[in-house]
C-alpha atoms as a PDB file:
ATOM      1  CA  MET A   1     122.258  93.952   9.076  1.00  0.00           C
ATOM      2  CA  THR A   2     119.460  95.551  12.240  1.00  0.00           C
ATOM      3  CA  SER A   3     120.442  98.421  14.217  1.00  0.00           C
ATOM      4  CA  THR A   4     118.572  99.470  17.445  1.00  0.00           C
ATOM      5  CA  ASP A   5     119.156 101.607  20.051  1.00  0.00           C
ATOM      6  CA  ALA A   6     117.678 101.220  23.971  1.00  0.00           C
ATOM      7  CA  SER A   7     117.336 103.411  26.964  1.00  0.00           C
ATOM      8  CA  ALA A   8     117.106 101.533  30.200  1.00  0.00           C
ATOM      9  CA  GLU A   9     116.916 101.858  33.386  1.00  0.00           C
ATOM     10  CA  VAL A  10     120.508 103.547  32.770  1.00  0.00           C
ATOM     11  CA  ASN A  11     119.108 105.870  29.762  1.00  0.00           C
ATOM     12  CA  SER A  12     121.498 102.632  27.864  1.00  0.00           C
ATOM     13  CA  GLU A  13     121.288 103.220  23.677  1.00  0.00           C
ATOM     14  CA  THR A  14     122.159  99.638  22.073  1.00  0.00           C
ATOM     15  CA  GLY A  15     122.464  98.528  18.814  1.00  0.00           C
ATOM     16  CA  THR A  16     121.604  95.125  17.696  1.00  0.00           C
ATOM     17  CA  GLU A  17     122.964  92.912  14.566  1.00  0.00           C
ATOM     18  CA  THR A  18     121.789  89.801  13.104  1.00  0.00           C
ATOM     19  CA  SER A  19     123.971  86.787  12.055  1.00  0.00           C
ATOM     20  CA  ALA A  20     123.932  87.058   8.594  1.00  0.00           C
ATOM     21  CA  ARG A  21     121.583  83.907   8.234  1.00  0.00           C
ATOM     22  CA  ALA A  22     119.474  86.335   9.600  1.00  0.00           C
ATOM     23  CA  THR A  23     120.069  89.678   7.745  1.00  0.00           C
ATOM     24  CA  ALA A  24     119.733  87.699   4.725  1.00  0.00           C
ATOM     25  CA  ASP A  25     116.065  86.928   5.682  1.00  0.00           C
ATOM     26  CA  GLN A  26     114.451  90.144   5.958  1.00  0.00           C
ATOM     27  CA  GLY A  27     112.092  91.445   3.971  1.00  0.00           C
ATOM     28  CA  THR A  28     108.456  93.745   4.654  1.00  0.00           C
ATOM     29  CA  ALA A  29     106.050  90.698   5.890  1.00  0.00           C
ATOM     30  CA  SER A  30     105.461  87.922   8.503  1.00  0.00           C
ATOM     31  CA  GLY A  31     107.741  85.205   9.234  1.00  0.00           C
ATOM     32  CA  ALA A  32     111.099  84.365   8.815  1.00  0.00           C
ATOM     33  CA  SER A  33     111.438  85.046   4.955  1.00  0.00           C
ATOM     34  CA  SER A  34     110.475  88.063   5.027  1.00  0.00           C
ATOM     35  CA  SER A  35     110.386  90.391   8.700  1.00  0.00           C
ATOM     36  CA  PRO A  36     108.821  93.929   9.158  1.00  0.00           C
ATOM     37  CA  PHE A  37     111.947  95.230   9.102  1.00  0.00           C
ATOM     38  CA  ARG A  38     112.435  97.042   6.072  1.00  0.00           C
ATOM     39  CA  HIS A  39     115.963  98.601   5.973  1.00  0.00           C
ATOM     40  CA  SER A  40     116.398  98.333   2.116  1.00  0.00           C
ATOM     41  CA  GLU A  41     113.697 100.214   1.351  1.00  0.00           C
ATOM     42  CA  ILE A  42     114.612 103.627   3.426  1.00  0.00           C
ATOM     43  CA  ASP A  43     117.201 104.897   5.519  1.00  0.00           C
ATOM     44  CA  ARG A  44     116.967 104.044   9.098  1.00  0.00           C
ATOM     45  CA  ASP A  45     118.144 107.520  10.105  1.00  0.00           C
ATOM     46  CA  ALA A  46     116.909 109.554   8.339  1.00  0.00           C
ATOM     47  CA  ALA A  47     113.216 107.796   9.020  1.00  0.00           C
ATOM     48  CA  PRO A  48     111.513 109.717  11.831  1.00  0.00           C
ATOM     49  CA  GLN A  49     112.467 108.214  15.557  1.00  0.00           C
ATOM     50  CA  PHE A  50     110.744 106.000  17.730  1.00  0.00           C
ATOM     51  CA  VAL A  51     110.943 104.272  20.457  1.00  0.00           C
ATOM     52  CA  LEU A  52     108.832 101.124  22.094  1.00  0.00           C
ATOM     53  CA  PRO A  53     108.491 101.945  26.225  1.00  0.00           C
ATOM     54  CA  LEU A  54     108.891  98.929  28.519  1.00  0.00           C
ATOM     55  CA  VAL A  55     107.722 100.478  32.193  1.00  0.00           C
ATOM     56  CA  VAL A  56     109.007  97.692  35.022  1.00  0.00           C
ATOM     57  CA  ARG A  57     107.120  98.045  38.454  1.00  0.00           C
ATOM     58  CA  ILE A  58     110.045  98.544  41.971  1.00  0.00           C
ATOM     59  CA  GLU A  59     108.224  98.537  44.581  1.00  0.00           C
ATOM     60  CA  LYS A  60     110.369 100.953  47.239  1.00  0.00           C
ATOM     61  CA  ALA A  61     110.400  97.826  49.770  1.00  0.00           C
ATOM     62  CA  ALA A  62     109.558  94.917  47.542  1.00  0.00           C
ATOM     63  CA  PRO A  63     111.907  95.348  44.570  1.00  0.00           C
ATOM     64  CA  PRO A  64     111.148  92.139  41.441  1.00  0.00           C
ATOM     65  CA  ALA A  65     113.937  89.800  40.989  1.00  0.00           C
ATOM     66  CA  ARG A  66     116.469  90.698  38.544  1.00  0.00           C
ATOM     67  CA  THR A  67     116.325  87.540  36.355  1.00  0.00           C
ATOM     68  CA  ASP A  68     112.403  87.859  36.619  1.00  0.00           C
ATOM     69  CA  ALA A  69     112.586  91.331  35.640  1.00  0.00           C
ATOM     70  CA  LEU A  70     114.910  90.742  32.222  1.00  0.00           C
ATOM     71  CA  GLU A  71     112.478  87.004  30.934  1.00  0.00           C
ATOM     72  CA  THR A  72     109.786  89.122  31.896  1.00  0.00           C
ATOM     73  CA  ALA A  73     110.809  92.241  29.578  1.00  0.00           C
ATOM     74  CA  ALA A  74     112.024  90.569  26.978  1.00  0.00           C
ATOM     75  CA  ARG A  75     107.998  88.286  26.988  1.00  0.00           C
ATOM     76  CA  ALA A  76     106.673  92.187  27.185  1.00  0.00           C
ATOM     77  CA  VAL A  77     108.034  92.886  23.378  1.00  0.00           C
ATOM     78  CA  LEU A  78     107.133  89.481  22.142  1.00  0.00           C
ATOM     79  CA  VAL A  79     103.660  89.984  23.629  1.00  0.00           C
ATOM     80  CA  LEU A  80     103.509  93.578  21.593  1.00  0.00           C
ATOM     81  CA  LEU A  81     104.919  92.026  18.341  1.00  0.00           C
ATOM     82  CA  SER A  82     102.107  89.671  18.426  1.00  0.00           C
ATOM     83  CA  ASP A  83      99.434  91.234  19.353  1.00  0.00           C
ATOM     84  CA  GLU A  84      96.608  91.815  16.856  1.00  0.00           C
ATOM     85  CA  ARG A  85      96.242  95.833  17.460  1.00  0.00           C
ATOM     86  CA  ALA A  86     100.641  95.509  15.938  1.00  0.00           C
ATOM     87  CA  THR A  87      99.684  93.127  13.375  1.00  0.00           C
ATOM     88  CA  ALA A  88      96.484  93.147  11.928  1.00  0.00           C
ATOM     89  CA  ALA A  89      96.846  95.789   8.609  1.00  0.00           C
ATOM     90  CA  ASP A  90      93.906  98.049  10.526  1.00  0.00           C
ATOM     91  CA  GLY A  91      94.961  97.541  13.734  1.00  0.00           C
ATOM     92  CA  GLU A  92      95.735 101.168  16.015  1.00  0.00           C
ATOM     93  CA  TRP A  93      99.554 100.287  16.848  1.00  0.00           C
ATOM     94  CA  ALA A  94     100.254  98.417  13.614  1.00  0.00           C
ATOM     95  CA  GLN A  95     101.774 101.942  12.333  1.00  0.00           C
ATOM     96  CA  SER A  96     103.335 102.960  15.084  1.00  0.00           C
ATOM     97  CA  VAL A  97     105.054  99.153  15.037  1.00  0.00           C
ATOM     98  CA  ARG A  98     105.743  99.648  11.388  1.00  0.00           C
ATOM     99  CA  ASP A  99     107.116 103.184  11.989  1.00  0.00           C
ATOM    100  CA  TRP A 100     109.011 102.084  14.955  1.00  0.00           C
ATOM    101  CA  GLN A 101     110.275  99.323  12.955  1.00  0.00           C
ATOM    102  CA  ASP A 102     112.007 101.002   9.989  1.00  0.00           C
ATOM    103  CA  ALA A 103     113.865 103.498  11.918  1.00  0.00           C
ATOM    104  CA  ARG A 104     116.452 102.536  14.740  1.00  0.00           C
ATOM    105  CA  ILE A 105     114.689  99.662  16.517  1.00  0.00           C
ATOM    106  CA  ARG A 106     114.775 101.931  20.292  1.00  0.00           C
ATOM    107  CA  LYS A 107     113.385 100.652  23.259  1.00  0.00           C
ATOM    108  CA  VAL A 108     113.695 102.461  26.738  1.00  0.00           C
ATOM    109  CA  VAL A 109     112.901 101.000  29.997  1.00  0.00           C
ATOM    110  CA  ARG A 110     111.780 103.003  32.949  1.00  0.00           C
ATOM    111  CA  ARG A 111     111.396 102.122  36.225  1.00  0.00           C
ATOM    112  CA  ALA A 112     107.696 103.227  38.437  1.00  0.00           C
ATOM    113  CA  ARG A 113     106.180 102.505  41.762  1.00  0.00           C
ATOM    114  CA  GLY A 114     103.284 103.169  43.431  1.00  0.00           C
ATOM    115  CA  ALA A 115     101.068 106.249  42.099  1.00  0.00           C
ATOM    116  CA  GLU A 116     103.090 106.567  38.733  1.00  0.00           C
ATOM    117  CA  TRP A 117     103.109 102.849  38.421  1.00  0.00           C
ATOM    118  CA  ARG A 118      99.093 103.257  38.379  1.00  0.00           C
ATOM    119  CA  ARG A 119      98.998 106.187  35.722  1.00  0.00           C
ATOM    120  CA  ALA A 120     101.363 104.416  33.523  1.00  0.00           C
ATOM    121  CA  ALA A 121      98.988 101.341  33.804  1.00  0.00           C
ATOM    122  CA  GLU A 122      96.078 103.758  32.607  1.00  0.00           C
ATOM    123  CA  LEU A 123      97.003 104.144  29.978  1.00  0.00           C
ATOM    124  CA  PRO A 124      97.000 102.322  26.681  1.00  0.00           C
ATOM    125  CA  GLY A 125      99.322  98.950  26.246  1.00  0.00           C
ATOM    126  CA  ILE A 126      99.863  95.058  28.175  1.00  0.00           C
ATOM    127  CA  THR A 127     101.436  94.562  31.675  1.00  0.00           C
ATOM    128  CA  VAL A 128     103.142  91.174  31.815  1.00  0.00           C
ATOM    129  CA  THR A 129     103.748  89.745  34.946  1.00  0.00           C
ATOM    130  CA  GLY A 130     106.801  87.129  35.991  1.00  0.00           C
ATOM    131  CA  ARG A 131     106.965  84.005  37.395  1.00  0.00           C
ATOM    132  CA  GLY A 132     108.880  84.823  40.079  1.00  0.00           C
ATOM    133  CA  PRO A 133     111.954  83.225  41.825  1.00  0.00           C
ATOM    134  CA  ALA A 134     111.233  80.459  44.173  1.00  0.00           C
ATOM    135  CA  ALA A 135     111.803  80.930  48.223  1.00  0.00           C
ATOM    136  CA  THR A 136     115.360  80.769  49.090  1.00  0.00           C
ATOM    137  CA  ALA A 137     117.521  78.497  50.968  1.00  0.00           C
ATOM    138  CA  ALA A 138     117.529  80.334  53.942  1.00  0.00           C
ATOM    139  CA  GLY A 139     113.531  80.412  54.005  1.00  0.00           C
ATOM    140  CA  ASP A 140     112.922  84.078  53.369  1.00  0.00           C
ATOM    141  CA  GLY A 141     109.906  84.709  50.781  1.00  0.00           C
ATOM    142  CA  PRO A 142     110.592  85.098  47.310  1.00  0.00           C
ATOM    143  CA  PRO A 143     110.448  88.807  45.759  1.00  0.00           C
ATOM    144  CA  PRO A 144     107.122  89.339  44.039  1.00  0.00           C
ATOM    145  CA  ALA A 145     106.911  88.450  41.060  1.00  0.00           C
ATOM    146  CA  ALA A 146     107.751  91.019  37.971  1.00  0.00           C
ATOM    147  CA  GLU A 147     105.210  93.203  36.451  1.00  0.00           C
ATOM    148  CA  VAL A 148     106.572  94.851  33.074  1.00  0.00           C
ATOM    149  CA  ARG A 149     104.162  97.057  30.820  1.00  0.00           C
ATOM    150  CA  VAL A 150     104.801  97.643  27.412  1.00  0.00           C
ATOM    151  CA  PHE A 151     103.196 100.433  25.466  1.00  0.00           C
ATOM    152  CA  PRO A 152     103.076 101.315  21.266  1.00  0.00           C
ATOM    153  CA  PRO A 153     105.628 102.519  19.882  1.00  0.00           C
ATOM    154  CA  VAL A 154     106.252 106.692  20.633  1.00  0.00           C
ATOM    155  CA  PRO A 155     107.395 109.881  18.495  1.00  0.00           C
ATOM    156  CA  LEU A 156     111.253 109.743  19.925  1.00  0.00           C
ATOM    157  CA  ASP A 157     110.499 113.453  21.189  1.00  0.00           C
ATOM    158  CA  GLY A 158     106.378 112.339  22.010  1.00  0.00           C
ATOM    159  CA  TRP A 159     106.110 110.863  25.644  1.00  0.00           C
ATOM    160  CA  PRO A 160     102.987 110.460  27.053  1.00  0.00           C
ATOM    161  CA  LYS A 161     103.902 112.737  30.055  1.00  0.00           C
ATOM    162  CA  GLU A 162     103.056 110.126  31.991  1.00  0.00           C
ATOM    163  CA  LEU A 163     105.874 107.875  31.201  1.00  0.00           C
ATOM    164  CA  ALA A 164     108.212 111.203  30.443  1.00  0.00           C
ATOM    165  CA  LYS A 165     108.269 111.728  34.444  1.00  0.00           C
ATOM    166  CA  LEU A 166     109.645 108.480  34.845  1.00  0.00           C
ATOM    167  CA  GLN A 167     112.850 107.780  36.337  1.00  0.00           C
ATOM    168  CA  VAL A 168     115.977 106.049  33.411  1.00  0.00           C
ATOM    169  CA  SER A 169     118.360 105.916  36.625  1.00  0.00           C
ATOM    170  CA  GLY A 170     118.537 104.178  40.057  1.00  0.00           C
ATOM    171  CA  THR A 171     117.858 101.194  41.663  1.00  0.00           C
ATOM    172  CA  ASP A 172     119.298  98.224  40.188  1.00  0.00           C
ATOM    173  CA  LEU A 173     117.692  94.273  40.904  1.00  0.00           C
ATOM    174  CA  ASP A 174     119.823  91.478  42.621  1.00  0.00           C
ATOM    175  CA  ASP A 175     118.515  87.904  42.351  1.00  0.00           C
ATOM    176  CA  PRO A 176     118.055  86.076  46.042  1.00  0.00           C
ATOM    177  CA  GLU A 177     119.601  82.893  44.872  1.00  0.00           C
ATOM    178  CA  PRO A 178     121.356  82.064  41.756  1.00  0.00           C
ATOM    179  CA  PRO A 179     118.915  81.221  39.021  1.00  0.00           C
ATOM    180  CA  PRO A 180     118.062  77.511  38.200  1.00  0.00           C
ATOM    181  CA  ALA A 181     120.223  75.830  34.980  1.00  0.00           C
ATOM    182  CA  PRO A 182     117.700  76.799  31.694  1.00  0.00           C
ATOM    183  CA  ASP A 183     116.152  74.429  30.124  1.00  0.00           C
ATOM    184  CA  LEU A 184     117.978  73.515  27.167  1.00  0.00           C
ATOM    185  CA  THR A 185     115.287  72.246  24.437  1.00  0.00           C
ATOM    186  CA  GLY A 186     113.388  75.557  25.527  1.00  0.00           C
ATOM    187  CA  PRO A 187     113.784  79.213  23.960  1.00  0.00           C
ATOM    188  CA  VAL A 188     117.481  80.361  25.406  1.00  0.00           C
ATOM    189  CA  LEU A 189     118.160  84.264  25.805  1.00  0.00           C
ATOM    190  CA  TRP A 190     121.814  84.277  26.808  1.00  0.00           C
ATOM    191  CA  LEU A 191     123.734  86.962  28.418  1.00  0.00           C
ATOM    192  CA  SER A 192     127.796  87.586  27.083  1.00  0.00           C
ATOM    193  CA  PRO A 193     129.854  86.782  30.383  1.00  0.00           C
ATOM    194  CA  GLN A 194     132.300  89.426  29.571  1.00  0.00           C
ATOM    195  CA  VAL A 195     129.858  92.473  29.766  1.00  0.00           C
ATOM    196  CA  GLU A 196     128.863  93.883  32.567  1.00  0.00           C
ATOM    197  CA  MET A 197     125.285  95.872  32.285  1.00  0.00           C
ATOM    198  CA  SER A 198     122.763  97.361  34.852  1.00  0.00           C
ATOM    199  CA  ALA A 199     118.889  96.054  35.284  1.00  0.00           C
ATOM    200  CA  GLY A 200     117.447  98.170  32.645  1.00  0.00           C
ATOM    201  CA  LYS A 201     120.039  97.886  30.036  1.00  0.00           C
ATOM    202  CA  ALA A 202     119.888  93.785  30.311  1.00  0.00           C
ATOM    203  CA  MET A 203     116.287  94.090  30.225  1.00  0.00           C
ATOM    204  CA  ALA A 204     116.035  96.308  26.865  1.00  0.00           C
ATOM    205  CA  GLN A 205     119.227  93.919  25.666  1.00  0.00           C
ATOM    206  CA  ALA A 206     116.727  91.032  26.635  1.00  0.00           C
ATOM    207  CA  GLY A 207     114.091  93.077  24.638  1.00  0.00           C
ATOM    208  CA  HIS A 208     116.438  92.710  21.593  1.00  0.00           C
ATOM    209  CA  GLY A 209     117.593  89.425  21.565  1.00  0.00           C
ATOM    210  CA  ALA A 210     113.726  88.040  21.956  1.00  0.00           C
ATOM    211  CA  GLN A 211     113.259  90.554  19.066  1.00  0.00           C
ATOM    212  CA  LEU A 212     115.816  89.035  16.544  1.00  0.00           C
ATOM    213  CA  ALA A 213     114.253  85.863  17.298  1.00  0.00           C
ATOM    214  CA  TRP A 214     111.434  86.793  16.480  1.00  0.00           C
ATOM    215  CA  TRP A 215     111.893  87.844  13.245  1.00  0.00           C
ATOM    216  CA  GLU A 216     113.773  84.715  11.893  1.00  0.00           C
ATOM    217  CA  LEU A 217     111.270  82.387  13.367  1.00  0.00           C
ATOM    218  CA  ASP A 218     108.603  80.984  10.479  1.00  0.00           C
ATOM    219  CA  ASP A 219     104.887  81.366  11.161  1.00  0.00           C
ATOM    220  CA  ALA A 220     104.387  77.981  12.757  1.00  0.00           C
ATOM    221  CA  ALA A 221     107.087  78.622  14.776  1.00  0.00           C
ATOM    222  CA  ARG A 222     106.044  82.289  15.769  1.00  0.00           C
ATOM    223  CA  THR A 223     102.372  80.185  16.225  1.00  0.00           C
ATOM    224  CA  ALA A 224     103.371  77.824  18.228  1.00  0.00           C
ATOM    225  CA  TRP A 225     104.909  79.894  20.936  1.00  0.00           C
ATOM    226  CA  ARG A 226     102.529  82.517  21.834  1.00  0.00           C
ATOM    227  CA  ALA A 227     100.004  80.013  22.010  1.00  0.00           C
ATOM    228  CA  ALA A 228     102.544  78.101  24.336  1.00  0.00           C
ATOM    229  CA  GLY A 229     103.010  81.871  26.585  1.00  0.00           C
ATOM    230  CA  PHE A 230     106.574  82.891  25.324  1.00  0.00           C
ATOM    231  CA  PRO A 231     108.020  80.285  27.619  1.00  0.00           C
ATOM    232  CA  LEU A 232     112.325  81.484  27.761  1.00  0.00           C
ATOM    233  CA  ALA A 233     115.105  81.865  29.920  1.00  0.00           C
ATOM    234  CA  VAL A 234     117.525  84.689  30.527  1.00  0.00           C
ATOM    235  CA  ARG A 235     120.675  83.283  31.936  1.00  0.00           C
ATOM    236  CA  THR A 236     124.275  84.742  31.666  1.00  0.00           C
ATOM    237  CA  ALA A 237     127.110  82.457  29.334  1.00  0.00           C
ATOM    238  CA  SER A 238     129.724  80.049  30.909  1.00  0.00           C
ATOM    239  CA  ALA A 239     132.986  81.956  28.640  1.00  0.00           C
ATOM    240  CA  GLU A 240     133.609  78.549  26.538  1.00  0.00           C
ATOM    241  CA  ARG A 241     129.781  78.399  25.777  1.00  0.00           C
ATOM    242  CA  TRP A 242     130.099  81.985  25.112  1.00  0.00           C
ATOM    243  CA  ASP A 243     132.632  81.341  22.035  1.00  0.00           C
ATOM    244  CA  GLU A 244     130.382  78.897  20.691  1.00  0.00           C
ATOM    245  CA  LEU A 245     126.563  80.999  20.958  1.00  0.00           C
ATOM    246  CA  THR A 246     128.610  84.228  19.114  1.00  0.00           C
ATOM    247  CA  THR A 247     129.388  81.699  16.276  1.00  0.00           C
ATOM    248  CA  SER A 248     126.603  79.322  15.250  1.00  0.00           C
ATOM    249  CA  GLY A 249     124.713  81.518  12.812  1.00  0.00           C
ATOM    250  CA  LEU A 250     122.080  82.644  15.925  1.00  0.00           C
ATOM    251  CA  PRO A 251     121.074  86.178  15.848  1.00  0.00           C
ATOM    252  CA  VAL A 252     123.472  88.767  17.901  1.00  0.00           C
ATOM    253  CA  VAL A 253     122.711  91.719  19.937  1.00  0.00           C
ATOM    254  CA  ARG A 254     126.092  93.685  19.454  1.00  0.00           C
ATOM    255  CA  ASP A 255     125.911  97.413  21.544  1.00  0.00           C
ATOM    256  CA  ALA A 256     125.976 100.330  19.769  1.00  0.00           C
ATOM    257  CA  GLY A 257     128.117 101.803  22.604  1.00  0.00           C
ATOM    258  CA  PHE A 258     126.583 104.982  23.561  1.00  0.00           C
ATOM    259  CA  THR A 259     126.105 103.822  27.388  1.00  0.00           C
ATOM    260  CA  GLU A 260     128.093 101.850  29.459  1.00  0.00           C
ATOM    261  CA  ILE A 261     129.485  99.162  27.310  1.00  0.00           C
ATOM    262  CA  ALA A 262     131.827  99.455  24.098  1.00  0.00           C
ATOM    263  CA  PRO A 263     130.159  99.906  21.020  1.00  0.00           C
ATOM    264  CA  GLY A 264     130.289  96.440  19.009  1.00  0.00           C
ATOM    265  CA  SER A 265     130.118  94.369  22.019  1.00  0.00           C
ATOM    266  CA  CYS A 266     128.062  91.105  21.787  1.00  0.00           C
ATOM    267  CA  THR A 267     125.288  91.189  24.215  1.00  0.00           C
ATOM    268  CA  VAL A 268     123.216  88.612  24.206  1.00  0.00           C
ATOM    269  CA  VAL A 269     122.696  85.546  21.700  1.00  0.00           C
ATOM    270  CA  ALA A 270     118.557  85.154  20.491  1.00  0.00           C
ATOM    271  CA  ASP A 271     119.315  80.686  21.438  1.00  0.00           C
ATOM    272  CA  HIS A 272     115.795  79.554  20.086  1.00  0.00           C
ATOM    273  CA  PRO A 273     115.578  75.724  18.775  1.00  0.00           C
ATOM    274  CA  ALA A 274     113.824  76.577  15.901  1.00  0.00           C
ATOM    275  CA  LEU A 275     116.296  78.046  14.614  1.00  0.00           C
ATOM    276  CA  ARG A 276     119.327  75.753  16.052  1.00  0.00           C
ATOM    277  CA  ARG A 277     121.883  74.250  13.042  1.00  0.00           C
ATOM    278  CA  PRO A 278     121.661  70.690  13.082  1.00  0.00           C
END
């Protein structure tokens, strides 16, 4: 089992648990049979604790759409996990990523605007820009594309001051129009219809789901996904689909219950075509 904590816009903390198939496949390198998560080698609670910071840009007059922010956060996690600075043996982020994955997998999503965002953007990291929703049926202009910057993991008590100052509570996000049906031939991160989450909490959960999918994929599937730009959708499942998904053997995110929702709640199922059973 993998267990993760995440703090998001509302300082949410979560835990994740993979399917039995995912748990059996995790090892020490890359690919489905060798995830970097070495839970059998060390006590995750005794290990030094690290956190993966993500910052979402939320300008007061022009916030991004909720679904675009969720999808962009998930892609940001994947971009960092696949970056050579994190994967190469001598990569500048490799050690902190390994240390982060050897402990509890914490993700913290904070929000920034204006000068705060510009200061955050000066720190080492990667900014991922979303695709943005289409114009509304009423003819209103669409919200700006979401922007999420992901940073290499930092010690739980060692945040850079530029990020430590940022707020973890405040504005939630909405979609101006219901998002279109997802392309079911591609990856979909399905949110639970039974659990209400703030935008920040859901961003962290989507990042967890993307990470669990990445860990289960073999090298060929990872390469193809990365080459395509990590296409994915985040949608809320219907009640009927949710029941099927949670028993399908796909990776499942389960919340530790520190904030917002009850312990053990299933929040996300990572539905990647390469992981679906025949």
